[in-house]
Amino acid sequence: MSLASGFAHGVHPPEAKGLTAQVPIRRMPFPAEIVLPLRQHAGKPARLCVKVGDRVERGDKVGEADGFMSVPIHASAAGTVADVDWWPHPDGSMAMAVRITVDPYAAQIPRPRMVPKWAGLSVEEVVQAVQDAGVVGLGGAAFPTHVKLAPPKEYAVHTLIVNGAECEPYLTSDHRTMAEYPDRVHFGIRVLMQTLGVQKAVIGVERNKPDAIEALRRAIPQDLDITVLPLTVKYPQGAEKMLIHAVTGTEVPSGKLPVSVGVVVQNVGSAAAIAEVFETGLPLIERIVTVTGHGLRRPANLIVPVGTKLRDLLAHCDGMTPDAAEVIVGGPMMGMAQADLDAPVTKGTTGVVVLARHETRGERVYPCIHCGRCLDACPVFLNPSLLGDLARVDRYEEMAEAHLADCMLCGSCSFVCPSNIPLSQLFQVSKAALKRLKAAS
């Protein structure tokens, strides 16, 4: 397999990106209320630092970072703290959240620069500034960005890979970011390269985004070694290990992180966010979200204040069509179907997809026919059929022995299953059950 030809296995779901691929990014007005969960990132949730009745300005902290593997949460609009209580989270759980009544007469001018200018800062100061700004991976996983900028000393990082694949169907927020803000992307890459001490960066972009590839290539700074590499259009091309293999030809060993092969991967939206943080001095309080689907009246790519309720976001897009059947936060392959439209947009919300009835699959599940399609689809060479059988009878320890930890929950197996078995969902529940078992032992 040649470099950039992709990876073995994977699937080809309908792209469905035409709804928003050429729709320019626009800014959404501030809603009447924002809801900020203290748990918006991988790691430890932020620690509450406001109380009911407090006045907050745009960019003020409402939650402090609670340790190194944590980031703060900032108010995305000026207003008054109306409540601090449990609130529906997009992941289906309840989370402690700060509700802010937005001041309709506020100028929404942020406080003076809260993030220092990056020129002249030491590596440690840049890492601290990125953490203080609350920057996380904007590709969906919401892993704290500053942690990736401080890899363990025993690993020699030589390459930065910037993930512009955006392989999930429907989603185009990264595509529009690259096409409209290529200079911002490159500025973020400059900060990342200098902080990591690497001399080489590669931006991997699927070939179905030719305008983004061209925009990025035209904007490459003359003094940086940055390559824009077109990638095969295949899902899940944007998964870290798949992307590393496609770009470098190197396989990340099972159970290891990308730094073990000298690579750090950052989402293209995260690079742009870092640039914006250092350009404006504002923390991460808004993000670009694709709002799309055949069940939505007016699909769009929007700059959305973090904490905007899904119902307000959908209303801004003229609401749902009569045949709308399902609202998903994220893409249809790895996203989460929503039971409550009061759940807010978080830092990790890449998109909101409204599926029409004809786009959804039936709820009836049939017995496994052992056709082997899931084995051919799995990009990490697991046996989803076997894992599914074990999951249904709660044999979690045996699932661990069958390498459940390597499962990325990409949904490829569920997509190709002719029996409509929700394999990916079974594995997600099993991973959580295994975690509980380990904690109890």
Protein backbone atom coordinates (compact mmCIF):
# COMPACT_ATOMS: atom_id res chain seq x y z
CA MET A 1 0.00 0.00 0.00
CA SER A 2 1.47 3.35 -1.05
CA LEU A 3 1.45 6.38 1.17
CA ALA A 4 -1.76 8.42 1.14
CA SER A 5 -3.62 5.53 -0.48
CA GLY A 6 -5.43 5.06 2.79
CA PHE A 7 -5.71 1.97 4.95
CA ALA A 8 -7.10 -1.53 4.82
CA HIS A 9 -10.81 -2.19 5.41
CA GLY A 10 -13.17 0.67 6.27
CA VAL A 11 -16.45 1.57 4.55
CA HIS A 12 -17.92 4.03 2.05
CA PRO A 13 -21.11 5.53 3.51
CA PRO A 14 -23.00 8.13 1.45
CA GLU A 15 -21.10 11.39 1.89
CA ALA A 16 -24.17 13.67 2.00
CA LYS A 17 -21.88 16.70 2.28
CA GLY A 18 -23.47 18.55 -0.63
CA LEU A 19 -26.03 20.17 1.67
CA THR A 20 -23.41 22.44 3.25
CA ALA A 21 -20.05 21.88 1.49
CA GLN A 22 -20.33 25.21 -0.35
CA VAL A 23 -22.30 27.11 2.30
CA PRO A 24 -20.10 29.87 3.77
CA ILE A 25 -19.63 30.13 7.53
CA ARG A 26 -21.95 32.65 9.17
CA ARG A 27 -22.31 33.82 12.77
CA MET A 28 -25.35 32.85 14.84
CA PRO A 29 -26.92 35.54 17.08
CA PHE A 30 -26.69 35.08 20.85
CA PRO A 31 -29.59 33.05 22.27
CA ALA A 32 -31.62 34.18 25.29
CA GLU A 33 -29.94 31.59 27.53
CA ILE A 34 -26.76 29.55 27.39
CA VAL A 35 -26.09 26.35 29.33
CA LEU A 36 -22.46 25.45 30.07
CA PRO A 37 -21.80 21.90 31.31
CA LEU A 38 -18.69 21.67 33.48
CA ARG A 39 -17.90 18.40 31.67
CA GLN A 40 -17.06 19.28 28.07
CA HIS A 41 -13.72 17.53 27.60
CA ALA A 42 -11.91 14.25 28.15
CA GLY A 43 -10.40 14.10 31.61
CA LYS A 44 -11.56 15.73 34.83
CA PRO A 45 -14.52 18.14 34.62
CA ALA A 46 -13.97 21.81 35.41
CA ARG A 47 -14.52 23.01 39.00
CA LEU A 48 -17.35 25.51 39.50
CA CYS A 49 -16.17 29.05 40.32
CA VAL A 50 -19.37 31.13 40.08
CA LYS A 51 -22.65 31.25 42.00
CA VAL A 52 -26.25 32.13 41.20
CA GLY A 53 -26.67 35.87 40.74
CA ASP A 54 -23.11 36.54 39.55
CA ARG A 55 -22.66 38.85 36.58
CA VAL A 56 -20.28 37.42 33.96
CA GLU A 57 -18.79 39.01 30.88
CA ARG A 58 -17.99 37.23 27.64
CA GLY A 59 -14.85 35.13 28.27
CA ASP A 60 -15.08 35.06 32.09
CA LYS A 61 -14.43 31.71 33.74
CA VAL A 62 -17.40 29.82 35.15
CA GLY A 63 -15.31 26.69 35.83
CA GLU A 64 -11.63 26.32 36.74
CA ALA A 65 -9.36 23.59 35.39
CA ASP A 66 -9.23 20.85 38.02
CA GLY A 67 -5.73 19.48 37.42
CA PHE A 68 -3.49 19.00 34.38
CA MET A 69 -5.96 16.75 32.54
CA SER A 70 -8.64 19.42 32.67
CA VAL A 71 -9.47 22.80 31.13
CA PRO A 72 -11.57 25.74 32.30
CA ILE A 73 -15.03 26.63 30.98
CA HIS A 74 -15.74 30.24 30.00
CA ALA A 75 -18.95 32.22 29.54
CA SER A 76 -19.72 32.58 25.83
CA ALA A 77 -21.95 35.61 26.39
CA ALA A 78 -22.38 38.36 28.97
CA GLY A 79 -25.23 37.89 31.39
CA THR A 80 -26.26 36.69 34.83
CA VAL A 81 -25.85 33.22 36.33
CA ALA A 82 -29.45 32.05 36.71
CA ASP A 83 -28.87 28.54 38.04
CA VAL A 84 -26.30 25.82 38.69
CA ASP A 85 -27.87 22.39 38.48
CA TRP A 86 -27.97 19.07 36.63
CA TRP A 87 -28.82 19.46 32.95
CA PRO A 88 -29.16 17.14 29.92
CA HIS A 89 -25.80 16.54 28.24
CA PRO A 90 -25.42 15.63 24.53
CA ASP A 91 -23.87 12.29 25.53
CA GLY A 92 -27.22 11.22 27.00
CA SER A 93 -26.30 11.69 30.65
CA MET A 94 -26.97 14.52 33.09
CA ALA A 95 -24.15 16.91 33.91
CA MET A 96 -23.67 19.78 36.33
CA ALA A 97 -24.11 22.94 34.29
CA VAL A 98 -24.12 26.72 34.66
CA ARG A 99 -27.16 28.45 33.15
CA ILE A 100 -26.63 32.06 32.12
CA THR A 101 -29.40 34.46 31.17
CA VAL A 102 -27.89 36.46 28.32
CA ASP A 103 -28.10 40.23 28.68
CA PRO A 104 -29.92 41.36 25.50
CA TYR A 105 -28.52 44.88 25.83
CA ALA A 106 -24.88 43.92 26.45
CA ALA A 107 -22.36 44.94 23.82
CA GLN A 108 -20.81 41.46 24.22
CA ILE A 109 -17.38 43.04 24.26
CA PRO A 110 -14.94 40.72 26.05
CA ARG A 111 -12.73 41.78 28.89
CA PRO A 112 -9.23 43.00 27.94
CA ARG A 113 -6.93 40.30 26.52
CA MET A 114 -7.17 37.18 28.68
CA VAL A 115 -4.63 35.13 26.71
CA PRO A 116 -1.09 36.53 26.30
CA LYS A 117 0.38 37.17 22.87
CA TRP A 118 2.36 34.08 21.95
CA ALA A 119 5.48 35.77 20.58
CA GLY A 120 8.25 35.52 23.15
CA LEU A 121 6.51 32.96 25.35
CA SER A 122 8.42 29.88 26.44
CA VAL A 123 7.10 26.41 25.57
CA GLU A 124 5.75 26.02 29.09
CA GLU A 125 4.00 29.40 28.89
CA VAL A 126 2.37 28.51 25.56
CA VAL A 127 1.15 25.19 26.98
CA GLN A 128 -0.24 27.00 30.02
CA ALA A 129 -1.91 29.67 27.86
CA VAL A 130 -3.58 26.98 25.72
CA GLN A 131 -4.88 25.28 28.86
CA ASP A 132 -6.06 28.56 30.36
CA ALA A 133 -7.94 29.29 27.13
CA GLY A 134 -9.84 26.02 27.48
CA VAL A 135 -8.77 24.69 24.07
CA VAL A 136 -9.68 21.07 23.35
CA GLY A 137 -9.67 18.90 20.25
CA LEU A 138 -12.49 20.15 18.03
CA GLY A 139 -12.80 16.96 16.01
CA GLY A 140 -15.29 15.47 18.47
CA ALA A 141 -13.19 13.74 21.15
CA ALA A 142 -12.51 17.04 22.99
CA PHE A 143 -9.14 15.87 24.33
CA PRO A 144 -7.37 18.76 26.11
CA THR A 145 -5.01 20.26 23.51
CA HIS A 146 -2.33 21.37 25.97
CA VAL A 147 -1.75 17.74 27.01
CA LYS A 148 -0.75 16.85 23.44
CA LEU A 149 1.57 19.87 23.40
CA ALA A 150 3.51 18.45 26.35
CA PRO A 151 4.37 14.85 25.32
CA PRO A 152 6.43 12.70 27.69
CA LYS A 153 10.17 13.42 27.45
CA GLU A 154 10.98 9.84 26.51
CA TYR A 155 9.27 10.25 23.13
CA ALA A 156 10.98 12.13 20.30
CA VAL A 157 8.22 13.77 18.27
CA HIS A 158 9.32 14.51 14.69
CA THR A 159 6.08 15.12 12.79
CA LEU A 160 2.88 17.07 13.35
CA ILE A 161 -0.10 15.68 11.45
CA VAL A 162 -3.04 18.03 11.10
CA ASN A 163 -6.29 16.14 10.61
CA GLY A 164 -8.39 17.72 7.88
CA ALA A 165 -9.89 14.45 6.66
CA GLU A 166 -13.42 15.06 8.03
CA CYS A 167 -14.58 11.64 6.89
CA GLU A 168 -17.93 11.67 8.74
CA PRO A 169 -20.90 12.00 6.38
CA TYR A 170 -22.77 15.35 6.36
CA LEU A 171 -20.14 17.30 8.34
CA THR A 172 -18.36 20.20 6.62
CA SER A 173 -17.19 22.50 9.43
CA ASP A 174 -13.52 21.52 8.95
CA HIS A 175 -13.91 21.77 5.17
CA ARG A 176 -15.21 25.33 5.40
CA THR A 177 -12.55 26.25 7.97
CA MET A 178 -9.78 25.15 5.59
CA ALA A 179 -11.40 26.80 2.56
CA GLU A 180 -12.22 30.12 4.25
CA TYR A 181 -9.51 30.50 6.92
CA PRO A 182 -6.35 28.84 5.53
CA ASP A 183 -4.08 31.54 6.97
CA ARG A 184 -5.54 30.99 10.41
CA VAL A 185 -4.95 27.23 10.07
CA HIS A 186 -1.30 27.82 9.15
CA PHE A 187 -0.80 30.27 12.02
CA GLY A 188 -2.11 27.63 14.42
CA ILE A 189 0.24 25.08 12.85
CA ARG A 190 3.14 27.50 13.36
CA VAL A 191 2.34 27.72 17.08
CA LEU A 192 1.97 23.93 17.32
CA MET A 193 5.25 23.21 15.48
CA GLN A 194 7.27 25.65 17.55
CA THR A 195 5.79 24.38 20.81
CA LEU A 196 6.42 20.73 19.91
CA GLY A 197 9.86 21.50 18.49
CA VAL A 198 9.16 19.75 15.16
CA GLN A 199 10.34 20.83 11.72
CA LYS A 200 7.74 19.03 9.61
CA ALA A 201 3.95 19.15 9.41
CA VAL A 202 1.51 17.33 7.13
CA ILE A 203 -2.12 18.33 6.63
CA GLY A 204 -4.15 15.29 5.57
CA VAL A 205 -7.28 16.20 3.59
CA GLU A 206 -9.61 13.81 1.78
CA ARG A 207 -9.71 14.32 -1.99
CA ASN A 208 -13.40 15.27 -1.93
CA LYS A 209 -12.39 18.75 -0.69
CA PRO A 210 -10.37 20.12 -3.64
CA ASP A 211 -11.13 23.77 -2.81
CA ALA A 212 -9.80 23.29 0.74
CA ILE A 213 -6.65 21.55 -0.57
CA GLU A 214 -6.01 24.40 -3.01
CA ALA A 215 -6.64 27.12 -0.40
CA LEU A 216 -4.27 25.49 2.09
CA ARG A 217 -1.55 25.02 -0.53
CA ARG A 218 -1.73 28.65 -1.66
CA ALA A 219 -1.41 29.87 1.95
CA ILE A 220 1.59 27.73 3.06
CA PRO A 221 4.16 30.03 4.72
CA GLN A 222 7.51 30.04 2.90
CA ASP A 223 9.50 29.44 6.09
CA LEU A 224 7.65 26.31 7.24
CA ASP A 225 7.90 22.71 5.97
CA ILE A 226 4.17 22.02 5.56
CA THR A 227 2.77 19.48 3.11
CA VAL A 228 -0.91 19.29 2.14
CA LEU A 229 -1.54 15.62 1.38
CA PRO A 230 -4.72 14.49 -0.47
CA LEU A 231 -6.12 11.29 1.02
CA THR A 232 -8.36 8.51 -0.23
CA VAL A 233 -12.03 9.16 0.50
CA LYS A 234 -12.92 6.38 2.89
CA TYR A 235 -14.34 6.11 6.40
CA PRO A 236 -12.79 6.31 9.04
CA GLN A 237 -9.86 8.04 7.34
CA GLY A 238 -9.87 10.71 10.04
CA ALA A 239 -9.25 8.30 12.93
CA GLU A 240 -5.80 8.99 14.39
CA LYS A 241 -4.27 5.59 13.75
CA MET A 242 -5.75 5.36 10.24
CA LEU A 243 -4.53 8.84 9.41
CA ILE A 244 -1.01 8.15 10.70
CA HIS A 245 -0.83 4.98 8.60
CA ALA A 246 -2.09 6.79 5.51
CA VAL A 247 0.36 9.69 5.92
CA THR A 248 3.50 7.94 7.17
CA GLY A 249 3.02 4.27 6.41
CA THR A 250 3.70 3.56 10.10
CA GLU A 251 1.32 1.52 12.25
CA VAL A 252 0.73 2.63 15.83
CA PRO A 253 1.01 -0.52 18.00
CA SER A 254 -2.02 -1.77 19.87
CA GLY A 255 -2.42 0.03 23.18
CA LYS A 256 0.09 2.74 22.24
CA LEU A 257 -0.39 6.45 21.54
CA PRO A 258 0.74 8.30 18.38
CA VAL A 259 3.70 9.81 20.26
CA SER A 260 5.14 6.29 20.48
CA VAL A 261 5.90 6.55 16.73
CA GLY A 262 7.03 10.17 16.94
CA VAL A 263 3.78 11.77 15.76
CA VAL A 264 1.30 14.21 17.29
CA VAL A 265 -2.11 14.58 15.61
CA GLN A 266 -4.22 17.72 15.94
CA ASN A 267 -7.55 18.48 14.34
CA VAL A 268 -7.53 21.29 11.77
CA GLY A 269 -10.25 23.08 13.72
CA SER A 270 -8.09 22.92 16.84
CA ALA A 271 -5.20 24.52 14.94
CA ALA A 272 -7.49 27.32 13.80
CA ALA A 273 -8.82 27.71 17.35
CA ILE A 274 -5.30 28.08 18.76
CA ALA A 275 -4.60 30.76 16.16
CA GLU A 276 -7.79 32.61 17.09
CA VAL A 277 -7.01 32.37 20.81
CA PHE A 278 -3.62 34.03 20.35
CA GLU A 279 -4.93 36.53 17.77
CA THR A 280 -7.88 37.77 19.82
CA GLY A 281 -6.87 37.00 23.39
CA LEU A 282 -10.24 35.30 23.85
CA PRO A 283 -10.57 31.76 25.23
CA LEU A 284 -12.50 29.05 23.37
CA ILE A 285 -16.10 30.26 23.76
CA GLU A 286 -17.50 29.55 20.30
CA ARG A 287 -16.96 27.04 17.54
CA ILE A 288 -17.98 26.29 13.96
CA VAL A 289 -20.84 23.77 13.80
CA THR A 290 -22.39 22.15 10.73
CA VAL A 291 -26.18 22.08 11.14
CA THR A 292 -27.52 19.88 8.37
CA GLY A 293 -29.61 16.96 7.23
CA HIS A 294 -32.62 16.36 5.00
CA GLY A 295 -34.84 16.85 8.04
CA LEU A 296 -33.72 20.49 8.40
CA ARG A 297 -35.20 23.39 6.48
CA ARG A 298 -32.01 25.48 6.05
CA PRO A 299 -28.68 23.65 6.50
CA ALA A 300 -25.78 25.91 7.48
CA ASN A 301 -22.23 26.21 8.79
CA LEU A 302 -22.43 28.46 11.82
CA ILE A 303 -20.17 30.06 14.41
CA VAL A 304 -22.11 29.09 17.53
CA PRO A 305 -21.62 30.27 21.14
CA VAL A 306 -20.74 27.24 23.28
CA GLY A 307 -23.76 26.50 25.48
CA THR A 308 -26.41 27.25 22.85
CA LYS A 309 -29.33 24.82 23.24
CA LEU A 310 -29.96 22.50 20.30
CA ARG A 311 -33.55 23.78 19.97
CA ASP A 312 -32.28 27.37 19.58
CA LEU A 313 -29.72 26.25 17.00
CA LEU A 314 -32.34 24.37 14.97
CA ALA A 315 -34.78 27.29 15.23
CA HIS A 316 -32.12 29.59 13.75
CA CYS A 317 -32.02 27.21 10.76
CA ASP A 318 -35.81 27.63 10.30
CA GLY A 319 -36.64 24.45 12.19
CA MET A 320 -37.21 20.84 11.20
CA THR A 321 -39.27 19.48 8.32
CA PRO A 322 -42.42 17.40 9.00
CA ASP A 323 -40.57 14.17 8.14
CA ALA A 324 -37.65 14.81 10.52
CA ALA A 325 -37.08 11.63 12.51
CA GLU A 326 -33.82 11.92 14.47
CA VAL A 327 -31.45 14.59 15.74
CA ILE A 328 -27.82 13.53 16.10
CA VAL A 329 -25.00 15.47 17.72
CA GLY A 330 -21.88 14.69 15.70
CA GLY A 331 -22.00 12.67 12.50
CA PRO A 332 -24.34 9.75 11.79
CA MET A 333 -21.53 7.17 12.14
CA MET A 334 -20.20 8.09 15.59
CA GLY A 335 -22.67 10.71 16.79
CA MET A 336 -25.24 10.47 19.56
CA ALA A 337 -29.00 10.56 18.93
CA GLN A 338 -30.66 13.15 21.16
CA ALA A 339 -33.61 12.60 23.47
CA ASP A 340 -33.75 16.21 24.72
CA LEU A 341 -33.26 19.31 22.55
CA ASP A 342 -32.45 21.35 25.66
CA ALA A 343 -28.99 19.70 25.56
CA PRO A 344 -26.41 22.34 24.61
CA VAL A 345 -23.67 22.67 22.02
CA THR A 346 -20.37 21.85 23.75
CA LYS A 347 -16.76 22.40 22.71
CA GLY A 348 -16.75 18.96 21.10
CA THR A 349 -19.91 19.45 18.98
CA THR A 350 -18.75 19.16 15.37
CA GLY A 351 -22.22 19.09 13.89
CA VAL A 352 -25.93 18.60 14.45
CA VAL A 353 -27.56 16.32 11.88
CA VAL A 354 -31.34 16.07 11.47
CA LEU A 355 -32.18 12.88 9.62
CA ALA A 356 -35.42 12.49 7.68
CA ARG A 357 -37.46 9.31 8.11
CA HIS A 358 -36.12 7.73 4.91
CA GLU A 359 -32.52 8.12 6.14
CA THR A 360 -32.96 6.15 9.36
CA ARG A 361 -32.81 2.40 9.79
CA GLY A 362 -35.57 0.31 11.29
CA GLU A 363 -35.40 -0.63 14.94
CA ARG A 364 -35.87 -4.36 14.43
CA VAL A 365 -32.72 -6.44 15.03
CA TYR A 366 -32.27 -9.85 13.40
CA PRO A 367 -29.98 -12.72 14.42
CA CYS A 368 -26.37 -12.62 13.24
CA ILE A 369 -25.96 -14.64 10.04
CA HIS A 370 -22.14 -14.76 10.33
CA CYS A 371 -21.70 -13.23 6.90
CA GLY A 372 -18.33 -11.72 7.81
CA ARG A 373 -19.09 -8.24 6.50
CA CYS A 374 -18.18 -6.65 9.84
CA LEU A 375 -14.76 -8.35 9.76
CA ASP A 376 -14.10 -6.91 6.30
CA ALA A 377 -15.19 -3.46 7.47
CA CYS A 378 -13.31 -3.18 10.78
CA PRO A 379 -10.28 -0.90 10.24
CA VAL A 380 -8.44 -2.31 13.26
CA PHE A 381 -9.00 -5.99 12.29
CA LEU A 382 -11.23 -7.00 15.20
CA ASN A 383 -13.98 -9.64 15.08
CA PRO A 384 -17.11 -7.54 15.72
CA SER A 385 -19.39 -10.56 15.32
CA LEU A 386 -17.65 -12.40 18.16
CA LEU A 387 -17.51 -9.27 20.31
CA GLY A 388 -21.22 -8.70 19.71
CA ASP A 389 -22.06 -12.25 20.81
CA LEU A 390 -20.02 -11.76 23.99
CA ALA A 391 -21.56 -8.34 24.68
CA ARG A 392 -25.10 -9.70 24.57
CA VAL A 393 -24.31 -12.15 27.40
CA ASP A 394 -22.22 -9.69 29.46
CA ARG A 395 -18.93 -11.60 29.05
CA TYR A 396 -16.88 -8.43 29.32
CA GLU A 397 -13.60 -10.01 30.43
CA GLU A 398 -13.58 -12.19 27.32
CA MET A 399 -14.27 -9.10 25.23
CA ALA A 400 -11.17 -7.50 26.73
CA GLU A 401 -9.16 -10.56 25.72
CA ALA A 402 -10.56 -10.14 22.19
CA HIS A 403 -9.04 -6.62 22.09
CA LEU A 404 -12.15 -4.54 22.78
CA ALA A 405 -9.81 -1.74 23.90
CA ASP A 406 -8.64 -1.33 20.28
CA CYS A 407 -12.20 -0.62 19.11
CA MET A 408 -12.60 3.06 18.11
CA LEU A 409 -16.41 2.89 18.11
CA CYS A 410 -16.27 4.11 14.50
CA GLY A 411 -19.53 2.32 13.63
CA SER A 412 -18.25 0.67 10.44
CA CYS A 413 -19.44 -2.74 11.64
CA SER A 414 -22.93 -1.46 12.47
CA PHE A 415 -23.13 0.26 9.08
CA VAL A 416 -22.53 -2.91 7.07
CA CYS A 417 -24.49 -5.34 9.28
CA PRO A 418 -27.43 -6.80 7.27
CA SER A 419 -29.09 -7.90 10.52
CA ASN A 420 -29.19 -4.33 11.84
CA ILE A 421 -27.30 -5.31 15.01
CA PRO A 422 -26.17 -2.17 16.88
CA LEU A 423 -22.64 -3.48 17.33
CA SER A 424 -20.97 -0.14 18.00
CA GLN A 425 -23.51 0.73 20.70
CA LEU A 426 -23.01 -2.69 22.31
CA PHE A 427 -19.25 -2.09 22.40
CA GLN A 428 -19.69 1.38 23.90
CA VAL A 429 -21.79 -0.05 26.73
CA SER A 430 -19.30 -2.88 27.19
CA LYS A 431 -16.36 -0.48 27.47
CA ALA A 432 -18.21 1.41 30.21
CA ALA A 433 -19.04 -1.85 32.01
CA LEU A 434 -15.39 -2.94 31.86
CA LYS A 435 -14.32 0.39 33.31
CA ARG A 436 -16.74 -0.07 36.21
CA LEU A 437 -15.49 -3.60 36.80
CA LYS A 438 -11.87 -2.44 36.92
CA ALA A 439 -12.77 0.39 39.31
CA ALA A 440 -14.55 -2.04 41.63
CA SER A 441 -11.72 -4.58 41.68
